[in-house]
Amino acid sequence: MSGSLAASLGSDLVSIRRALHRMPEPGFQEFKTQQYILDIVGRLPTERVEVKTWRTGVLVRVKGRVGARCIGYRTDMDGLAIEEDTSYPFRSEHPGFMHACGHDVHMTIALGLLAECVASPVDDDVLIVFQPAEEGPGGAKPMLESEEFRVWKPDLMLALHIAPEYPVGTIATRPGTLFANTSELFIDLRGVGGHAAFPHRTNDTIVAAASLIMQLQTIVARNVNPLESAVVTLGVIQGGTRQNIIAEHARLEGTIRTLSEGSMPAVKARIEALLSGVEAGFGVTSTLDYGSNYYQVYNHETETASFMRWVREEMPDVRLIECDAAMTGEDFGYFLKEIPGFMFWLGVDTPYGLHHAKLEPSEDAIDVAVRVMSGYIRKIGTSERS
């Protein structure tokens, strides 16, 4: 990469994305990713750029001409524990890990936006937030609470997420709830194992787990207001060692999702009540772990409406859709809980969904996102004081 990065980065974004795609790392272990970002940022002109690190994350502030306000833009950094199965010649170099949720694209867009903000500063400061551990255990909340972030805390917070189902040139969002409240779910049942020929001498955790699975499926149907939305999904069942041995341990793993903040504690309370009943009914003991919990992504009404209106009026080549809320989880919701702002979907036109081993988002979407975000930041970062 030669010359001024701010001037040349646009032609290099695809190569940056491909380099990032090769190095997916789990949450709070994004060491190579962090160093790569720092190397790129280090090539920018330094007069207006300040950099801080937080754990494996990076904060980059571009000082504005006035600096009375700060506009924040957040990208996530981590990969997923998925073995890649794409057709790419630039596949993951970390076996068992892949950027299967588009975070390589997200980071590339953030770097492109950063270069635009350096080349054409606005009145406001701009803070680009490279946040680790979105996939787990959750980096947004501790980063939000960190001293490094608090010193540069933005007045407005923006973000995007790739959407495989939308064509390139499309963005989708809505005021209000965009993504759900989410919680992981891990249940361990322990009983008394033994020979399959003597079931009366055991407390069978497989049978107890089967009963619990069926009962858990009644929660949404019978304990959640039908005018609200919730999901209780079990994705993993583990138990037993051989076909003729009654299992003394069984494990269930799943997820809980609700569109209303109040439904989450209600669903959890019902899970705990059903689990107590299974313990009593089958003579087993249990442990319950909710793992990572993410707050809903709630787009602030005024800011989202302003952005949507601007896209319709100023970006004629971009198709804007007002979409429905989704049961997707995203820890960006913690930022929006405290700071006004919004998130939107970015169309990347691929038949494979998020977290799929064959996900191949179109790189043409990178330019679309950089143009949209840099244009919008120019608009809101200068027009109110011009």
Foldseek 3Di string as FASTA:
>chain_A
DDDACLVPVVVVLVVQLLVLQQEAAAFLPCQVVLVVVVVLVVRHDDPQWDWDDDRSKIKIKGAAPAAPFEEEEEAERHWDQAAFDAPDPSHHPDGRTGNQFCSSLQVSLLSNLVSPCSVPPFRHMYMYIYFGRFVPPHGPVVVCVDPVCVVVPGQEYEYEGAFQVFAFLEKEAAAWFAEWWKWKKKKKKFKAKFFLVCPVVILAVVVLVVVLVVVLVCCQVPPDDPVWDKDWDWDDKDFDDDPGMRTRMIMIITMITTRDPVVVVSSVVVSVVSQVVSCVVRVIDMDMDRRHIAHTFHAHDVQVVVLVVCCVVPVVSHHYYHDDHDHDGTNCSVVCVPHHYHYMYGYFHDPDGRPDSHDDGHSVNSVVSSCSVSVVCNCVRHVVPD
